[in-house]
Amino acid sequence: MLRGSTGGSLYLLCLAYQVAVSRAMQRPDVGRPLGVPQAMVFQCLNPKAWIFVLSAVSAFRPADLPLWL
């Protein structure tokens, strides 16, 4: 029976082989990365960013500041 690290290593080697023999990087239809304006719009729509902002504001808000403000 294979141990956890041996099995994990074999699985990673199998994945590395599949990536190496695939021709995904040779296709001309590979997408381009986002530009700065597109990334800004994406962050405005990103729910994880909103949760981060709300938690940061609530954590570092001065105690004497009214809650509604």
PDB file of N, CA and C in Angstrom:
ATOM      1  N   MET A   1       0.841  -1.180   0.000  1.00  0.00           N
ATOM      2  CA  MET A   1       0.000   0.000   0.000  1.00  0.00           C
ATOM      3  C   MET A   1       0.888   1.246   0.000  1.00  0.00           C
ATOM      4  N   LEU A   2       0.489   2.234  -0.780  1.00  0.00           N
ATOM      5  CA  LEU A   2       1.278   3.455  -0.882  1.00  0.00           C
ATOM      6  C   LEU A   2       0.998   4.370   0.302  1.00  0.00           C
ATOM      7  N   ARG A   3       2.030   5.023   0.739  1.00  0.00           N
ATOM      8  CA  ARG A   3       1.847   6.002   1.794  1.00  0.00           C
ATOM      9  C   ARG A   3       1.303   7.285   1.205  1.00  0.00           C
ATOM     10  N   GLY A   4       0.857   8.214   2.033  1.00  0.00           N
ATOM     11  CA  GLY A   4       0.257   9.458   1.576  1.00  0.00           C
ATOM     12  C   GLY A   4       1.192  10.299   0.729  1.00  0.00           C
ATOM     13  N   SER A   5       2.441  10.454   1.148  1.00  0.00           N
ATOM     14  CA  SER A   5       3.362  11.296   0.393  1.00  0.00           C
ATOM     15  C   SER A   5       3.758  10.643  -0.928  1.00  0.00           C
ATOM     16  N   THR A   6       3.881   9.322  -0.956  1.00  0.00           N
ATOM     17  CA  THR A   6       4.224   8.630  -2.190  1.00  0.00           C
ATOM     18  C   THR A   6       3.060   8.721  -3.178  1.00  0.00           C
ATOM     19  N   GLY A   7       1.868   8.503  -2.691  1.00  0.00           N
ATOM     20  CA  GLY A   7       0.694   8.600  -3.557  1.00  0.00           C
ATOM     21  C   GLY A   7       0.505  10.010  -4.085  1.00  0.00           C
ATOM     22  N   GLY A   8       0.710  10.998  -3.239  1.00  0.00           N
ATOM     23  CA  GLY A   8       0.603  12.384  -3.672  1.00  0.00           C
ATOM     24  C   GLY A   8       1.663  12.745  -4.692  1.00  0.00           C
ATOM     25  N   SER A   9       2.872  12.235  -4.492  1.00  0.00           N
ATOM     26  CA  SER A   9       3.954  12.500  -5.443  1.00  0.00           C
ATOM     27  C   SER A   9       3.658  11.864  -6.793  1.00  0.00           C
ATOM     28  N   LEU A  10       3.149  10.652  -6.780  1.00  0.00           N
ATOM     29  CA  LEU A  10       2.795   9.997  -8.042  1.00  0.00           C
ATOM     30  C   LEU A  10       1.673  10.742  -8.751  1.00  0.00           C
ATOM     31  N   TYR A  11       0.718  11.221  -7.999  1.00  0.00           N
ATOM     32  CA  TYR A  11      -0.383  11.983  -8.590  1.00  0.00           C
ATOM     33  C   TYR A  11       0.134  13.275  -9.213  1.00  0.00           C
ATOM     34  N   LEU A  12       1.029  13.988  -8.522  1.00  0.00           N
ATOM     35  CA  LEU A  12       1.596  15.211  -9.074  1.00  0.00           C
ATOM     36  C   LEU A  12       2.435  14.934 -10.308  1.00  0.00           C
ATOM     37  N   LEU A  13       3.168  13.841 -10.310  1.00  0.00           N
ATOM     38  CA  LEU A  13       3.930  13.466 -11.504  1.00  0.00           C
ATOM     39  C   LEU A  13       3.007  13.140 -12.676  1.00  0.00           C
ATOM     40  N   CYS A  14       1.900  12.496 -12.406  1.00  0.00           N
ATOM     41  CA  CYS A  14       0.925  12.198 -13.444  1.00  0.00           C
ATOM     42  C   CYS A  14       0.340  13.487 -14.013  1.00  0.00           C
ATOM     43  N   LEU A  15      -0.004  14.427 -13.147  1.00  0.00           N
ATOM     44  CA  LEU A  15      -0.510  15.717 -13.614  1.00  0.00           C
ATOM     45  C   LEU A  15       0.543  16.482 -14.402  1.00  0.00           C
ATOM     46  N   ALA A  16       1.791  16.445 -13.952  1.00  0.00           N
ATOM     47  CA  ALA A  16       2.868  17.132 -14.665  1.00  0.00           C
ATOM     48  C   ALA A  16       3.055  16.524 -16.048  1.00  0.00           C
ATOM     49  N   TYR A  17       2.950  15.217 -16.166  1.00  0.00           N
ATOM     50  CA  TYR A  17       3.073  14.563 -17.464  1.00  0.00           C
ATOM     51  C   TYR A  17       1.938  14.985 -18.386  1.00  0.00           C
ATOM     52  N   GLN A  18       0.719  15.048 -17.862  1.00  0.00           N
ATOM     53  CA  GLN A  18      -0.418  15.451 -18.676  1.00  0.00           C
ATOM     54  C   GLN A  18      -0.270  16.882 -19.173  1.00  0.00           C
ATOM     55  N   VAL A  19       0.249  17.762 -18.345  1.00  0.00           N
ATOM     56  CA  VAL A  19       0.473  19.144 -18.762  1.00  0.00           C
ATOM     57  C   VAL A  19       1.581  19.202 -19.803  1.00  0.00           C
ATOM     58  N   ALA A  20       2.621  18.412 -19.614  1.00  0.00           N
ATOM     59  CA  ALA A  20       3.759  18.444 -20.528  1.00  0.00           C
ATOM     60  C   ALA A  20       3.389  17.948 -21.923  1.00  0.00           C
ATOM     61  N   VAL A  21       2.554  16.936 -22.009  1.00  0.00           N
ATOM     62  CA  VAL A  21       2.221  16.391 -23.320  1.00  0.00           C
ATOM     63  C   VAL A  21       1.009  17.064 -23.951  1.00  0.00           C
ATOM     64  N   SER A  22       0.319  17.903 -23.210  1.00  0.00           N
ATOM     65  CA  SER A  22      -0.829  18.595 -23.796  1.00  0.00           C
ATOM     66  C   SER A  22      -0.340  19.695 -24.725  1.00  0.00           C
ATOM     67  N   ARG A  23      -1.163  20.073 -25.642  1.00  0.00           N
ATOM     68  CA  ARG A  23      -0.798  21.107 -26.598  1.00  0.00           C
ATOM     69  C   ARG A  23      -1.588  22.391 -26.338  1.00  0.00           C
ATOM     70  N   ALA A  24      -1.891  22.652 -25.108  1.00  0.00           N
ATOM     71  CA  ALA A  24      -2.706  23.812 -24.766  1.00  0.00           C
ATOM     72  C   ALA A  24      -1.980  25.117 -25.052  1.00  0.00           C
ATOM     73  N   MET A  25      -0.668  25.157 -24.869  1.00  0.00           N
ATOM     74  CA  MET A  25       0.068  26.403 -25.079  1.00  0.00           C
ATOM     75  C   MET A  25       0.334  26.669 -26.560  1.00  0.00           C
ATOM     76  N   GLN A  26       0.106  25.707 -27.423  1.00  0.00           N
ATOM     77  CA  GLN A  26       0.349  25.891 -28.841  1.00  0.00           C
ATOM     78  C   GLN A  26      -0.874  26.442 -29.571  1.00  0.00           C
ATOM     79  N   ARG A  27      -2.020  26.504 -28.894  1.00  0.00           N
ATOM     80  CA  ARG A  27      -3.238  27.015 -29.523  1.00  0.00           C
ATOM     81  C   ARG A  27      -3.173  28.533 -29.616  1.00  0.00           C
ATOM     82  N   PRO A  28      -3.597  29.108 -30.733  1.00  0.00           N
ATOM     83  CA  PRO A  28      -3.560  30.564 -30.876  1.00  0.00           C
ATOM     84  C   PRO A  28      -4.713  31.270 -30.174  1.00  0.00           C
ATOM     85  N   ASP A  29      -5.724  30.544 -29.725  1.00  0.00           N
ATOM     86  CA  ASP A  29      -6.895  31.174 -29.129  1.00  0.00           C
ATOM     87  C   ASP A  29      -6.800  31.303 -27.607  1.00  0.00           C
ATOM     88  N   VAL A  30      -5.593  31.369 -27.080  1.00  0.00           N
ATOM     89  CA  VAL A  30      -5.397  31.529 -25.643  1.00  0.00           C
ATOM     90  C   VAL A  30      -5.797  32.952 -25.273  1.00  0.00           C
ATOM     91  N   GLY A  31      -6.557  33.099 -24.197  1.00  0.00           N
ATOM     92  CA  GLY A  31      -7.060  34.398 -23.792  1.00  0.00           C
ATOM     93  C   GLY A  31      -5.974  35.332 -23.282  1.00  0.00           C
ATOM     94  N   ARG A  32      -6.232  36.619 -23.389  1.00  0.00           N
ATOM     95  CA  ARG A  32      -5.303  37.629 -22.892  1.00  0.00           C
ATOM     96  C   ARG A  32      -5.649  37.975 -21.452  1.00  0.00           C
ATOM     97  N   PRO A  33      -4.676  38.438 -20.677  1.00  0.00           N
ATOM     98  CA  PRO A  33      -4.972  38.858 -19.301  1.00  0.00           C
ATOM     99  C   PRO A  33      -5.793  40.152 -19.305  1.00  0.00           C
ATOM    100  N   LEU A  34      -6.413  40.436 -18.174  1.00  0.00           N
ATOM    101  CA  LEU A  34      -7.226  41.633 -18.052  1.00  0.00           C
ATOM    102  C   LEU A  34      -6.352  42.883 -18.055  1.00  0.00           C
ATOM    103  N   GLY A  35      -6.875  43.950 -18.627  1.00  0.00           N
ATOM    104  CA  GLY A  35      -6.211  45.241 -18.544  1.00  0.00           C
ATOM    105  C   GLY A  35      -6.551  45.901 -17.215  1.00  0.00           C
ATOM    106  N   VAL A  36      -5.958  47.047 -16.948  1.00  0.00           N
ATOM    107  CA  VAL A  36      -6.191  47.737 -15.673  1.00  0.00           C
ATOM    108  C   VAL A  36      -7.654  48.149 -15.516  1.00  0.00           C
ATOM    109  N   PRO A  37      -8.294  48.793 -16.513  1.00  0.00           N
ATOM    110  CA  PRO A  37      -9.705  49.163 -16.323  1.00  0.00           C
ATOM    111  C   PRO A  37     -10.611  47.944 -16.130  1.00  0.00           C
ATOM    112  N   GLN A  38     -10.346  46.873 -16.865  1.00  0.00           N
ATOM    113  CA  GLN A  38     -11.158  45.672 -16.718  1.00  0.00           C
ATOM    114  C   GLN A  38     -10.958  45.033 -15.347  1.00  0.00           C
ATOM    115  N   ALA A  39      -9.732  45.057 -14.843  1.00  0.00           N
ATOM    116  CA  ALA A  39      -9.465  44.509 -13.512  1.00  0.00           C
ATOM    117  C   ALA A  39     -10.140  45.342 -12.429  1.00  0.00           C
ATOM    118  N   MET A  40     -10.200  46.660 -12.618  1.00  0.00           N
ATOM    119  CA  MET A  40     -10.884  47.521 -11.640  1.00  0.00           C
ATOM    120  C   MET A  40     -12.377  47.217 -11.604  1.00  0.00           C
ATOM    121  N   VAL A  41     -12.979  47.035 -12.768  1.00  0.00           N
ATOM    122  CA  VAL A  41     -14.404  46.684 -12.814  1.00  0.00           C
ATOM    123  C   VAL A  41     -14.625  45.314 -12.198  1.00  0.00           C
ATOM    124  N   PHE A  42     -13.732  44.380 -12.472  1.00  0.00           N
ATOM    125  CA  PHE A  42     -13.848  43.048 -11.896  1.00  0.00           C
ATOM    126  C   PHE A  42     -13.803  43.104 -10.370  1.00  0.00           C
ATOM    127  N   GLN A  43     -12.922  43.917  -9.809  1.00  0.00           N
ATOM    128  CA  GLN A  43     -12.822  44.010  -8.358  1.00  0.00           C
ATOM    129  C   GLN A  43     -14.060  44.652  -7.746  1.00  0.00           C
ATOM    130  N   CYS A  44     -14.698  45.563  -8.482  1.00  0.00           N
ATOM    131  CA  CYS A  44     -15.942  46.162  -7.978  1.00  0.00           C
ATOM    132  C   CYS A  44     -17.074  45.142  -7.939  1.00  0.00           C
ATOM    133  N   LEU A  45     -17.028  44.144  -8.788  1.00  0.00           N
ATOM    134  CA  LEU A  45     -18.058  43.111  -8.835  1.00  0.00           C
ATOM    135  C   LEU A  45     -17.693  41.871  -8.032  1.00  0.00           C
ATOM    136  N   ASN A  46     -16.491  41.827  -7.495  1.00  0.00           N
ATOM    137  CA  ASN A  46     -15.985  40.655  -6.790  1.00  0.00           C
ATOM    138  C   ASN A  46     -16.546  40.609  -5.363  1.00  0.00           C
ATOM    139  N   PRO A  47     -17.343  39.600  -5.016  1.00  0.00           N
ATOM    140  CA  PRO A  47     -17.915  39.550  -3.655  1.00  0.00           C
ATOM    141  C   PRO A  47     -16.861  39.363  -2.566  1.00  0.00           C
ATOM    142  N   LYS A  48     -15.750  38.681  -2.866  1.00  0.00           N
ATOM    143  CA  LYS A  48     -14.698  38.520  -1.856  1.00  0.00           C
ATOM    144  C   LYS A  48     -14.064  39.858  -1.513  1.00  0.00           C
ATOM    145  N   ALA A  49     -13.941  40.735  -2.505  1.00  0.00           N
ATOM    146  CA  ALA A  49     -13.379  42.062  -2.239  1.00  0.00           C
ATOM    147  C   ALA A  49     -14.306  42.865  -1.342  1.00  0.00           C
ATOM    148  N   TRP A  50     -15.615  42.769  -1.573  1.00  0.00           N
ATOM    149  CA  TRP A  50     -16.568  43.495  -0.726  1.00  0.00           C
ATOM    150  C   TRP A  50     -16.533  42.976   0.710  1.00  0.00           C
ATOM    151  N   ILE A  51     -16.439  41.676   0.886  1.00  0.00           N
ATOM    152  CA  ILE A  51     -16.361  41.114   2.241  1.00  0.00           C
ATOM    153  C   ILE A  51     -15.081  41.574   2.921  1.00  0.00           C
ATOM    154  N   PHE A  52     -13.965  41.610   2.180  1.00  0.00           N
ATOM    155  CA  PHE A  52     -12.705  42.085   2.743  1.00  0.00           C
ATOM    156  C   PHE A  52     -12.815  43.544   3.164  1.00  0.00           C
ATOM    157  N   VAL A  53     -13.389  44.377   2.318  1.00  0.00           N
ATOM    158  CA  VAL A  53     -13.518  45.801   2.634  1.00  0.00           C
ATOM    159  C   VAL A  53     -14.413  46.002   3.851  1.00  0.00           C
ATOM    160  N   LEU A  54     -15.550  45.337   3.896  1.00  0.00           N
ATOM    161  CA  LEU A  54     -16.456  45.489   5.035  1.00  0.00           C
ATOM    162  C   LEU A  54     -15.837  44.995   6.339  1.00  0.00           C
ATOM    163  N   SER A  55     -15.111  43.903   6.286  1.00  0.00           N
ATOM    164  CA  SER A  55     -14.483  43.405   7.508  1.00  0.00           C
ATOM    165  C   SER A  55     -13.338  44.317   7.936  1.00  0.00           C
ATOM    166  N   ALA A  56     -12.585  44.868   6.994  1.00  0.00           N
ATOM    167  CA  ALA A  56     -11.499  45.782   7.358  1.00  0.00           C
ATOM    168  C   ALA A  56     -12.056  47.066   7.955  1.00  0.00           C
ATOM    169  N   VAL A  57     -13.125  47.600   7.370  1.00  0.00           N
ATOM    170  CA  VAL A  57     -13.726  48.830   7.895  1.00  0.00           C
ATOM    171  C   VAL A  57     -14.286  48.580   9.288  1.00  0.00           C
ATOM    172  N   SER A  58     -14.954  47.464   9.481  1.00  0.00           N
ATOM    173  CA  SER A  58     -15.525  47.197  10.800  1.00  0.00           C
ATOM    174  C   SER A  58     -14.448  46.902  11.843  1.00  0.00           C
ATOM    175  N   ALA A  59     -13.330  46.347  11.436  1.00  0.00           N
ATOM    176  CA  ALA A  59     -12.273  46.028  12.391  1.00  0.00           C
ATOM    177  C   ALA A  59     -11.473  47.267  12.800  1.00  0.00           C
ATOM    178  N   PHE A  60     -11.263  48.197  11.884  1.00  0.00           N
ATOM    179  CA  PHE A  60     -10.409  49.339  12.163  1.00  0.00           C
ATOM    180  C   PHE A  60     -11.168  50.648  12.317  1.00  0.00           C
ATOM    181  N   ARG A  61     -12.482  50.590  12.448  1.00  0.00           N
ATOM    182  CA  ARG A  61     -13.299  51.778  12.664  1.00  0.00           C
ATOM    183  C   ARG A  61     -13.071  52.286  14.086  1.00  0.00           C
ATOM    184  N   PRO A  62     -12.898  53.607  14.237  1.00  0.00           N
ATOM    185  CA  PRO A  62     -12.748  54.140  15.605  1.00  0.00           C
ATOM    186  C   PRO A  62     -13.995  53.840  16.447  1.00  0.00           C
ATOM    187  N   ALA A  63     -13.791  53.560  17.706  1.00  0.00           N
ATOM    188  CA  ALA A  63     -14.897  53.162  18.588  1.00  0.00           C
ATOM    189  C   ALA A  63     -15.884  54.300  18.808  1.00  0.00           C
ATOM    190  N   ASP A  64     -15.432  55.559  18.809  1.00  0.00           N
ATOM    191  CA  ASP A  64     -16.334  56.674  19.063  1.00  0.00           C
ATOM    192  C   ASP A  64     -17.060  57.166  17.817  1.00  0.00           C
ATOM    193  N   LEU A  65     -16.799  56.592  16.664  1.00  0.00           N
ATOM    194  CA  LEU A  65     -17.456  56.965  15.424  1.00  0.00           C
ATOM    195  C   LEU A  65     -18.829  56.332  15.383  1.00  0.00           C
ATOM    196  N   PRO A  66     -19.869  57.130  15.061  1.00  0.00           N
ATOM    197  CA  PRO A  66     -21.219  56.537  15.002  1.00  0.00           C
ATOM    198  C   PRO A  66     -21.297  55.432  13.964  1.00  0.00           C
ATOM    199  N   LEU A  67     -22.120  54.429  14.231  1.00  0.00           N
ATOM    200  CA  LEU A  67     -22.222  53.272  13.356  1.00  0.00           C
ATOM    201  C   LEU A  67     -22.787  53.632  11.994  1.00  0.00           C
ATOM    202  N   TRP A  68     -23.721  54.560  11.954  1.00  0.00           N
ATOM    203  CA  TRP A  68     -24.357  54.928  10.677  1.00  0.00           C
ATOM    204  C   TRP A  68     -23.401  55.679   9.763  1.00  0.00           C
ATOM    205  N   LEU A  69     -22.372  56.279  10.316  1.00  0.00           N
ATOM    206  CA  LEU A  69     -21.420  57.035   9.505  1.00  0.00           C
ATOM    207  C   LEU A  69     -20.412  56.088   8.904  1.00  0.00           C
TER     208      LEU A  69
END
